[in-house]
């Protein structure tokens, strides 16, 4: 199925959360055959119909399925968008024809879908190029996550450093490493930082699961509020990913909004939502524990701090920033410290301060996809590293979570053929999600506290 010259390419993206939908859709726009180096999937008019790809979005049904508000905040346009189970998605792939399929899922989801796709495409014929990768910084479960993604035609690495690590893992277990393709994070961009705003604005980018416990999250919030009191001339913003009751890539049991209700912050302290790029437009100092927002900020040459207050630890993910020149504490920030990033470290992360060469970062992936689509005789079968023979005690459980058997076929009792849910089913589904989120955010923390008595 070579890329067409008279029609736009067709791309499908399967995502399981708001952040992965953003990564998958923007990546699709940058790697589309015949597309442009820029983010062609951003919200706004389609533009040249001969160039802009057609994007069909599929949202994997689960605890983190994005809400309409989250989807609107991401700001990515799709030509169609619907919610599916893994089995429903596989049925759609058996009948729909695409040039590229982007799997923007957690590792287990990628592996399950790869085995399902392998089965439905086992008879040969045309199939799309299958692409997967990571939404941000890879600081934990490197081998586990990579091997669960093995089998895609392209496994995208967001930096030179990640590409080297990914290949080393695949080579180390005897898996084919040729799928690893260096790119960059697809959502970097925006105007470079040129100087202080009025008022000077400090932004703390919160994360849903880092840190996890109430004590550490309360500490960070109190230090942020203290900074606002020490610097009344500054605007201090707490940038939040989701509202209470919403889920993102990670479960957030202790939302900062609820912790903030117990404080009496000054007038120059505010909670903000919205697109991170728009928040960075007015940022003079970005502060975080280990959020990917730090890389977005560094890309725009905004002074960026990765906090050391809770230690530099793998559990926090801030160990990834060792050597960056960005590590600092709240005490240093209160005293006026502004870090200077290490240029060599920044370059290895796929970040180019001021945007230098960034738009060419996706050329290799786009060229590889074009060559695969032009391959005589079509694409070979998908060959994941994990099989019932290599991982008989691990793979079946991963597949079963998505109602798939060891051979990738739907298990008995899997969802019926795709149909639009009726109003009653939609109400029941929303109620079930609400009950789940209430249990995670309200009931589970109480039970844990009782267990510590």
Protein backbone atom coordinates (compact mmCIF):
# COMPACT_ATOMS: atom_id res chain seq x y z
CA UNK A 1 0.00 0.00 0.00
CA UNK A 2 2.40 2.73 -1.13
CA UNK A 3 1.66 6.32 -0.16
CA UNK A 4 -0.73 8.00 -2.56
CA UNK A 5 0.08 11.18 -4.42
CA UNK A 6 -3.50 12.20 -5.18
CA UNK A 7 -5.00 11.31 -1.80
CA UNK A 8 -3.87 12.00 1.77
CA UNK A 9 -2.35 9.18 3.78
CA UNK A 10 -4.64 7.40 6.23
CA UNK A 11 -3.40 6.96 9.77
CA UNK A 12 -5.02 5.27 12.77
CA UNK A 13 -4.02 6.03 16.35
CA UNK A 14 -5.05 3.82 19.28
CA UNK A 15 -4.51 5.55 22.65
CA UNK A 16 -5.42 4.73 26.25
CA UNK A 17 -5.10 8.14 27.96
CA UNK A 18 -5.12 11.85 27.22
CA UNK A 19 -1.33 12.18 27.23
CA UNK A 20 -0.83 9.15 24.99
CA UNK A 21 -3.50 10.42 22.62
CA UNK A 22 -1.59 13.71 22.38
CA UNK A 23 1.70 11.90 21.74
CA UNK A 24 0.18 9.47 19.25
CA UNK A 25 -1.77 12.02 17.22
CA UNK A 26 1.07 14.55 17.02
CA UNK A 27 3.54 11.79 16.17
CA UNK A 28 1.21 10.63 13.41
CA UNK A 29 1.20 14.10 11.91
CA UNK A 30 4.99 14.29 11.88
CA UNK A 31 5.72 10.84 10.45
CA UNK A 32 2.89 10.64 7.90
CA UNK A 33 4.06 9.61 4.41
CA UNK A 34 4.10 12.68 2.18
CA UNK A 35 3.40 14.91 5.17
CA UNK A 36 5.26 17.92 6.47
CA UNK A 37 7.93 18.06 9.18
CA UNK A 38 5.67 20.26 11.32
CA UNK A 39 2.80 19.23 13.62
CA UNK A 40 0.10 18.76 10.96
CA UNK A 41 -2.36 17.27 13.44
CA UNK A 42 -2.73 20.33 15.62
CA UNK A 43 -6.14 21.89 16.07
CA UNK A 44 -7.19 24.14 13.26
CA UNK A 45 -8.11 23.99 9.58
CA UNK A 46 -6.89 20.99 7.61
CA UNK A 47 -5.01 22.97 4.97
CA UNK A 48 -3.80 21.23 1.80
CA UNK A 49 -5.92 18.10 1.37
CA UNK A 50 -3.22 16.57 -0.83
CA UNK A 51 -0.69 16.66 2.02
CA UNK A 52 -2.42 16.58 5.41
CA UNK A 53 -3.07 12.97 6.49
CA UNK A 54 -6.49 11.70 7.48
CA UNK A 55 -6.44 10.73 11.17
CA UNK A 56 -8.85 8.20 12.66
CA UNK A 57 -8.60 8.09 16.43
CA UNK A 58 -9.49 5.11 18.62
CA UNK A 59 -9.61 5.46 22.41
CA UNK A 60 -9.07 2.22 24.31
CA UNK A 61 -11.83 1.82 26.88
CA UNK A 62 -10.48 1.69 30.43
CA UNK A 63 -9.89 3.61 33.63
CA UNK A 64 -7.94 6.39 31.87
CA UNK A 65 -10.13 6.88 28.80
CA UNK A 66 -10.02 10.66 28.22
CA UNK A 67 -13.06 12.78 29.02
CA UNK A 68 -14.33 15.34 26.47
CA UNK A 69 -12.70 18.11 28.53
CA UNK A 70 -9.33 16.36 28.47
CA UNK A 71 -9.56 15.78 24.73
CA UNK A 72 -10.40 19.44 24.14
CA UNK A 73 -7.46 20.51 26.31
CA UNK A 74 -5.05 18.36 24.29
CA UNK A 75 -6.04 20.41 21.25
CA UNK A 76 -5.46 17.74 18.61
CA UNK A 77 -7.88 17.40 15.69
CA UNK A 78 -9.04 14.03 14.39
CA UNK A 79 -11.23 13.25 11.40
CA UNK A 80 -13.00 10.59 13.45
CA UNK A 81 -12.76 9.54 17.08
CA UNK A 82 -14.42 6.65 18.88
CA UNK A 83 -14.08 4.56 22.00
CA UNK A 84 -13.32 0.84 21.60
CA UNK A 85 -12.19 -2.27 23.42
CA UNK A 86 -9.11 -4.08 22.15
CA UNK A 87 -11.30 -6.70 20.46
CA UNK A 88 -13.44 -4.04 18.78
CA UNK A 89 -10.31 -2.29 17.57
CA UNK A 90 -8.95 -5.49 16.06
CA UNK A 91 -12.24 -6.04 14.24
CA UNK A 92 -11.94 -2.54 12.80
CA UNK A 93 -8.36 -3.20 11.66
CA UNK A 94 -9.52 -6.35 9.87
CA UNK A 95 -11.76 -4.28 7.62
CA UNK A 96 -10.22 -0.78 7.47
CA UNK A 97 -7.23 0.10 5.29
CA UNK A 98 -4.54 2.40 6.67
CA UNK A 99 -1.03 3.43 5.71
CA UNK A 100 0.23 3.79 9.29
CA UNK A 101 -1.02 2.58 12.67
CA UNK A 102 0.31 4.27 15.82
CA UNK A 103 -0.10 2.34 19.08
CA UNK A 104 0.02 4.93 21.89
CA UNK A 105 -0.56 2.53 24.76
CA UNK A 106 1.01 1.21 27.93
CA UNK A 107 3.42 -1.66 27.19
CA UNK A 108 1.00 -4.50 27.96
CA UNK A 109 -1.61 -2.93 25.70
CA UNK A 110 0.89 -2.68 22.86
CA UNK A 111 1.87 -6.32 23.22
CA UNK A 112 -1.74 -7.54 23.29
CA UNK A 113 -2.69 -5.53 20.20
CA UNK A 114 0.44 -6.68 18.34
CA UNK A 115 -0.52 -10.33 18.89
CA UNK A 116 -4.10 -9.61 17.87
CA UNK A 117 -2.93 -7.86 14.72
CA UNK A 118 -0.51 -10.67 13.93
CA UNK A 119 -3.43 -13.08 13.95
CA UNK A 120 -5.83 -11.02 11.81
CA UNK A 121 -3.08 -10.31 9.27
CA UNK A 122 -1.62 -13.83 9.25
CA UNK A 123 -3.07 -14.56 5.80
CA UNK A 124 -0.88 -11.84 4.28
CA UNK A 125 -2.04 -9.01 2.07
CA UNK A 126 -1.67 -5.32 2.63
CA UNK A 127 -1.24 -4.00 6.13
CA UNK A 128 -0.15 -0.65 7.60
CA UNK A 129 3.22 0.14 9.09
CA UNK A 130 2.85 -0.32 12.86
CA UNK A 131 4.54 2.30 15.04
CA UNK A 132 4.83 2.63 18.81
CA UNK A 133 6.98 4.40 21.40
CA UNK A 134 6.91 6.35 24.65
CA UNK A 135 5.07 9.52 25.58
CA UNK A 136 7.97 11.04 27.52
CA UNK A 137 10.98 10.35 29.70
CA UNK A 138 11.73 6.62 30.13
CA UNK A 139 13.03 6.30 33.67
CA UNK A 140 11.60 2.99 34.90
CA UNK A 141 10.83 -0.53 33.64
CA UNK A 142 13.10 -0.02 30.64
CA UNK A 143 13.55 -3.67 29.69
CA UNK A 144 9.97 -4.65 30.53
CA UNK A 145 8.40 -1.79 28.57
CA UNK A 146 10.68 -2.23 25.57
CA UNK A 147 10.15 -5.96 25.21
CA UNK A 148 6.39 -5.44 25.43
CA UNK A 149 6.69 -3.01 22.51
CA UNK A 150 8.89 -5.29 20.43
CA UNK A 151 7.25 -6.50 17.25
CA UNK A 152 6.17 -3.13 15.89
CA UNK A 153 7.78 -2.06 12.61
CA UNK A 154 9.09 1.12 14.28
CA UNK A 155 9.78 1.61 17.99
CA UNK A 156 10.35 5.34 18.33
CA UNK A 157 13.03 6.69 20.68
CA UNK A 158 12.59 10.32 21.70
CA UNK A 159 16.32 11.04 21.87
CA UNK A 160 19.76 9.78 20.92
CA UNK A 161 20.23 8.55 24.49
CA UNK A 162 17.00 6.53 24.39
CA UNK A 163 17.83 5.07 20.97
CA UNK A 164 21.15 3.77 22.30
CA UNK A 165 19.51 2.30 25.40
CA UNK A 166 16.70 0.69 23.40
CA UNK A 167 19.09 -1.00 20.97
CA UNK A 168 21.24 -2.26 23.84
CA UNK A 169 18.23 -3.94 25.48
CA UNK A 170 17.07 -5.62 22.26
CA UNK A 171 20.60 -6.73 21.35
CA UNK A 172 21.09 -8.03 24.87
CA UNK A 173 18.20 -10.47 24.66
CA UNK A 174 18.81 -11.44 21.05
CA UNK A 175 15.82 -9.51 19.67
CA UNK A 176 15.90 -7.63 16.38
CA UNK A 177 16.82 -4.01 17.15
CA UNK A 178 16.33 -2.65 13.64
CA UNK A 179 12.90 -1.24 14.57
CA UNK A 180 14.42 1.35 16.94
CA UNK A 181 14.18 4.75 15.26
CA UNK A 182 15.41 8.00 16.74
CA UNK A 183 12.95 10.91 16.66
CA UNK A 184 12.05 13.54 19.27
CA UNK A 185 9.05 14.35 21.43
CA UNK A 186 6.37 15.49 18.95
CA UNK A 187 4.94 18.26 21.11
CA UNK A 188 8.06 20.39 21.52
CA UNK A 189 7.73 23.83 20.02
CA UNK A 190 6.60 27.34 20.76
CA UNK A 191 8.44 30.63 20.80
CA UNK A 192 11.85 30.62 22.53
CA UNK A 193 12.17 32.45 25.83
CA UNK A 194 13.45 36.01 25.34
CA UNK A 195 13.27 37.53 28.80
CA UNK A 196 11.25 38.09 31.94
CA UNK A 197 7.52 38.69 31.86
CA UNK A 198 5.54 41.15 33.95
CA UNK A 199 4.80 39.72 36.40
CA UNK A 200 7.65 37.23 36.67
CA UNK A 201 5.94 33.83 36.57
CA UNK A 202 6.97 30.61 38.32
CA UNK A 203 5.21 27.40 37.24
CA UNK A 204 5.26 24.11 39.11
CA UNK A 205 4.31 21.23 36.79
CA UNK A 206 2.52 18.66 38.93
CA UNK A 207 2.53 14.94 38.18
CA UNK A 208 -0.27 12.51 39.02
CA UNK A 209 1.90 9.82 40.61
CA UNK A 210 5.22 11.49 41.51
CA UNK A 211 5.53 11.71 44.44
CA UNK A 212 2.84 9.29 45.54
CA UNK A 213 2.36 9.82 49.28
CA UNK A 214 0.46 12.60 51.05
CA UNK A 215 3.45 13.75 53.11
CA UNK A 216 5.68 14.46 50.10
CA UNK A 217 2.91 16.01 48.00
CA UNK A 218 1.89 18.25 50.89
CA UNK A 219 5.52 19.29 51.36
CA UNK A 220 5.89 20.32 47.71
CA UNK A 221 2.62 22.25 47.81
CA UNK A 222 3.59 24.05 51.02
CA UNK A 223 6.97 25.02 49.56
CA UNK A 224 5.28 26.36 46.43
CA UNK A 225 2.92 28.45 48.55
CA UNK A 226 5.85 29.63 50.70
CA UNK A 227 7.68 30.74 47.56
CA UNK A 228 4.62 32.77 46.59
CA UNK A 229 4.61 34.45 50.01
CA UNK A 230 8.35 35.18 49.87
CA UNK A 231 7.98 36.74 46.41
CA UNK A 232 4.68 38.66 46.33
CA UNK A 233 5.82 40.39 43.13
CA UNK A 234 5.82 37.06 41.31
CA UNK A 235 2.91 35.04 39.95
CA UNK A 236 3.16 31.44 41.15
CA UNK A 237 1.15 28.84 39.24
CA UNK A 238 0.43 25.19 40.03
CA UNK A 239 -0.07 23.56 36.62
CA UNK A 240 -2.38 20.55 36.95
CA UNK A 241 -2.92 17.76 34.44
CA UNK A 242 -6.47 16.75 35.35
CA UNK A 243 -9.41 17.71 37.53
CA UNK A 244 -10.60 15.55 40.45
CA UNK A 245 -12.44 12.50 39.09
CA UNK A 246 -10.48 12.48 35.82
CA UNK A 247 -7.65 10.07 35.14
CA UNK A 248 -4.60 10.52 32.99
CA UNK A 249 -1.71 8.16 32.18
CA UNK A 250 -1.15 7.47 35.90
CA UNK A 251 -3.63 7.18 38.78
CA UNK A 252 -3.75 10.25 41.02
CA UNK A 253 -5.03 9.29 44.45
CA UNK A 254 -4.19 12.59 46.16
CA UNK A 255 -5.04 15.49 43.81
CA UNK A 256 -3.24 18.72 44.65
CA UNK A 257 -6.57 20.56 44.39
CA UNK A 258 -7.81 18.77 47.50
CA UNK A 259 -4.57 19.24 49.40
CA UNK A 260 -4.63 22.96 48.57
CA UNK A 261 -8.04 23.37 50.22
CA UNK A 262 -6.35 23.08 53.63
CA UNK A 263 -3.97 25.94 52.92
CA UNK A 264 -4.52 29.69 52.78
CA UNK A 265 -2.41 30.66 49.76
CA UNK A 266 -1.68 34.30 48.91
CA UNK A 267 -3.37 36.11 46.05
CA UNK A 268 -0.37 35.58 43.72
CA UNK A 269 -0.80 31.79 43.87
CA UNK A 270 -3.19 30.08 41.43
CA UNK A 271 -4.14 26.67 40.10
CA UNK A 272 -4.14 26.45 36.30
CA UNK A 273 -5.15 23.89 33.69
CA UNK A 274 -4.95 24.01 29.93
CA UNK A 275 -2.37 23.30 27.26
CA UNK A 276 1.19 23.21 28.60
CA UNK A 277 2.50 25.13 25.59
CA UNK A 278 0.19 28.05 26.39
CA UNK A 279 1.32 28.05 30.02
CA UNK A 280 4.97 28.06 28.93
CA UNK A 281 4.29 31.16 26.82
CA UNK A 282 4.24 33.16 30.07
CA UNK A 283 6.69 31.14 32.17
CA UNK A 284 9.97 32.56 33.54
CA UNK A 285 10.90 29.59 35.74
CA UNK A 286 9.67 26.02 35.28
CA UNK A 287 9.85 23.79 38.36
CA UNK A 288 9.04 20.07 38.52
CA UNK A 289 10.08 16.80 40.10
CA UNK A 290 10.56 14.89 36.85
CA UNK A 291 7.79 15.87 34.42
CA UNK A 292 8.33 15.79 30.67
CA UNK A 293 7.32 19.46 30.89
CA UNK A 294 10.96 20.06 31.86
CA UNK A 295 12.04 19.01 28.36
CA UNK A 296 9.38 21.23 26.77
CA UNK A 297 10.70 24.11 28.85
CA UNK A 298 14.36 23.43 28.03
CA UNK A 299 13.48 23.25 24.35
CA UNK A 300 12.28 26.85 24.60
CA UNK A 301 15.32 27.96 26.67
CA UNK A 302 13.15 28.70 29.71
CA UNK A 303 15.05 28.44 33.02
CA UNK A 304 14.14 24.97 34.33
CA UNK A 305 14.57 23.33 37.73
CA UNK A 306 14.26 19.66 38.68
CA UNK A 307 13.76 19.48 42.44
CA UNK A 308 16.11 17.63 44.77
CA UNK A 309 14.13 18.28 47.98
CA UNK A 310 12.87 14.70 48.17
CA UNK A 311 16.19 13.25 47.04
CA UNK A 312 17.49 12.23 43.64
CA UNK A 313 15.87 8.82 43.33
CA UNK A 314 14.77 6.35 40.68
CA UNK A 315 11.34 6.20 42.29
CA UNK A 316 10.89 9.91 41.56
CA UNK A 317 12.36 9.83 38.08
CA UNK A 318 14.56 12.87 38.72
CA UNK A 319 17.64 10.66 38.46
CA UNK A 320 17.11 10.97 34.70
CA UNK A 321 18.24 14.60 34.98
CA UNK A 322 21.62 13.87 36.56
CA UNK A 323 24.15 15.84 34.53
CA UNK A 324 21.54 18.27 33.20
CA UNK A 325 22.60 21.22 35.34
CA UNK A 326 18.93 21.65 36.33
CA UNK A 327 18.91 19.96 39.75
CA UNK A 328 18.18 22.38 42.61
CA UNK A 329 16.14 22.74 45.81
CA UNK A 330 13.37 25.09 46.91
CA UNK A 331 15.80 26.78 49.30
CA UNK A 332 17.99 27.70 46.33
CA UNK A 333 14.99 28.92 44.32
CA UNK A 334 13.72 31.01 47.22
CA UNK A 335 17.15 32.68 47.27
CA UNK A 336 16.92 33.56 43.55
CA UNK A 337 18.84 30.68 41.91
CA UNK A 338 18.45 30.28 38.12
CA UNK A 339 20.01 27.12 36.68
CA UNK A 340 22.12 26.86 33.53
CA UNK A 341 21.48 23.63 31.60
CA UNK A 342 24.34 21.55 30.26
CA UNK A 343 24.22 21.86 26.46
CA UNK A 344 25.64 18.38 25.76
CA UNK A 345 23.11 16.74 28.10
CA UNK A 346 20.23 18.67 26.54
CA UNK A 347 21.29 17.68 23.02
CA UNK A 348 21.33 13.97 23.97
CA UNK A 349 17.70 14.26 25.12
CA UNK A 350 16.41 15.22 21.69
CA UNK A 351 15.95 18.79 22.86
CA UNK A 352 17.34 21.62 20.77
CA UNK A 353 17.19 24.92 22.62
CA UNK A 354 15.68 27.53 20.37
CA UNK A 355 14.35 24.83 18.01
CA UNK A 356 17.56 24.30 16.05
CA UNK A 357 17.26 21.21 13.77
CA UNK A 358 14.14 19.99 15.60
CA UNK A 359 11.93 19.93 12.52
CA UNK A 360 14.29 17.42 10.86
CA UNK A 361 14.14 15.02 13.81
CA UNK A 362 11.35 12.99 12.19
CA UNK A 363 12.88 12.67 8.73
CA UNK A 364 14.39 9.23 9.39
CA UNK A 365 11.10 7.80 10.64
CA UNK A 366 9.18 9.27 7.73
CA UNK A 367 11.71 7.88 5.22
CA UNK A 368 11.64 4.42 6.83
CA UNK A 369 7.85 4.33 6.67
CA UNK A 370 7.88 5.34 3.01
CA UNK A 371 10.38 2.56 2.21
CA UNK A 372 8.32 -0.01 4.10
CA UNK A 373 5.17 0.99 2.24
CA UNK A 374 7.05 0.64 -1.06
CA UNK A 375 8.43 -2.79 -0.13
CA UNK A 376 7.83 -5.30 -2.96
CA UNK A 377 5.36 -7.95 -1.89
CA UNK A 378 4.12 -6.00 1.09
CA UNK A 379 5.22 -6.07 4.71
CA UNK A 380 6.30 -9.25 6.55
CA UNK A 381 4.28 -10.68 9.44
CA UNK A 382 4.58 -9.03 12.85
CA UNK A 383 7.05 -10.91 15.06
CA UNK A 384 6.92 -9.86 18.73
CA UNK A 385 9.76 -11.06 20.95
CA UNK A 386 7.30 -12.55 23.44
CA UNK A 387 5.51 -15.68 22.20
CA UNK A 388 3.76 -18.60 23.94
CA UNK A 389 7.09 -20.40 23.59
CA UNK A 390 9.43 -17.67 24.92
CA UNK A 391 7.20 -16.32 27.72
CA UNK A 392 4.56 -18.99 28.53
CA UNK A 393 4.16 -17.74 32.11
CA UNK A 394 3.86 -14.04 31.23
CA UNK A 395 2.27 -13.49 27.82
CA UNK A 396 -1.08 -15.27 28.34
CA UNK A 397 -1.94 -13.03 31.29
CA UNK A 398 -1.17 -9.88 29.30
CA UNK A 399 -3.36 -11.03 26.44
CA UNK A 400 -6.18 -12.17 28.72
CA UNK A 401 -6.48 -8.68 30.24
CA UNK A 402 -7.62 -7.57 26.78
CA UNK A 403 -9.88 -10.61 26.21
CA UNK A 404 -7.39 -12.30 23.90
CA UNK A 405 -6.21 -15.90 23.94
CA UNK A 406 -2.58 -17.08 23.66
CA UNK A 407 -2.83 -17.03 19.87
CA UNK A 408 -4.21 -13.47 19.77
CA UNK A 409 -7.80 -14.53 19.03
CA UNK A 410 -10.76 -13.18 21.08
CA UNK A 411 -11.61 -15.22 24.16
CA UNK A 412 -15.17 -16.50 24.74
CA UNK A 413 -17.21 -13.72 26.29
CA UNK A 414 -15.28 -10.95 24.53
CA UNK A 415 -17.34 -7.88 23.59
CA UNK A 416 -19.90 -8.33 20.82
CA UNK A 417 -19.26 -6.82 17.38
CA UNK A 418 -18.80 -3.07 17.43
CA UNK A 419 -21.99 -1.10 17.86
CA UNK A 420 -22.88 2.33 19.12
CA UNK A 421 -23.86 2.01 22.81
CA UNK A 422 -27.39 3.03 23.67
CA UNK A 423 -28.16 5.78 26.20
CA UNK A 424 -28.67 3.34 29.07
CA UNK A 425 -25.35 1.62 28.36
CA UNK A 426 -23.59 5.00 28.23
CA UNK A 427 -25.08 6.01 31.61
CA UNK A 428 -24.07 2.70 33.20
CA UNK A 429 -20.56 3.02 31.78
CA UNK A 430 -20.13 6.57 33.14
CA UNK A 431 -21.46 5.47 36.54
CA UNK A 432 -19.03 2.55 36.65
CA UNK A 433 -16.10 4.83 35.83
CA UNK A 434 -17.21 7.30 38.47
CA UNK A 435 -17.42 4.53 41.07
CA UNK A 436 -13.95 3.29 40.12
CA UNK A 437 -12.42 6.75 40.35
CA UNK A 438 -14.17 7.38 43.69
CA UNK A 439 -12.73 4.12 44.98
CA UNK A 440 -9.21 5.04 43.86
CA UNK A 441 -9.24 8.63 45.11
CA UNK A 442 -11.39 8.36 48.25
CA UNK A 443 -11.86 4.82 49.54
CA UNK A 444 -8.43 3.28 48.85
CA UNK A 445 -6.43 6.02 50.69
CA UNK A 446 -8.71 5.67 53.75
CA UNK A 447 -8.24 1.89 53.82
CA UNK A 448 -4.47 2.32 53.57
CA UNK A 449 -4.45 4.82 56.44
CA UNK A 450 -6.51 2.42 58.56
CA UNK A 451 -4.01 -0.32 57.77
CA UNK A 452 -1.20 1.85 59.15
CA UNK A 453 -2.91 2.28 62.53
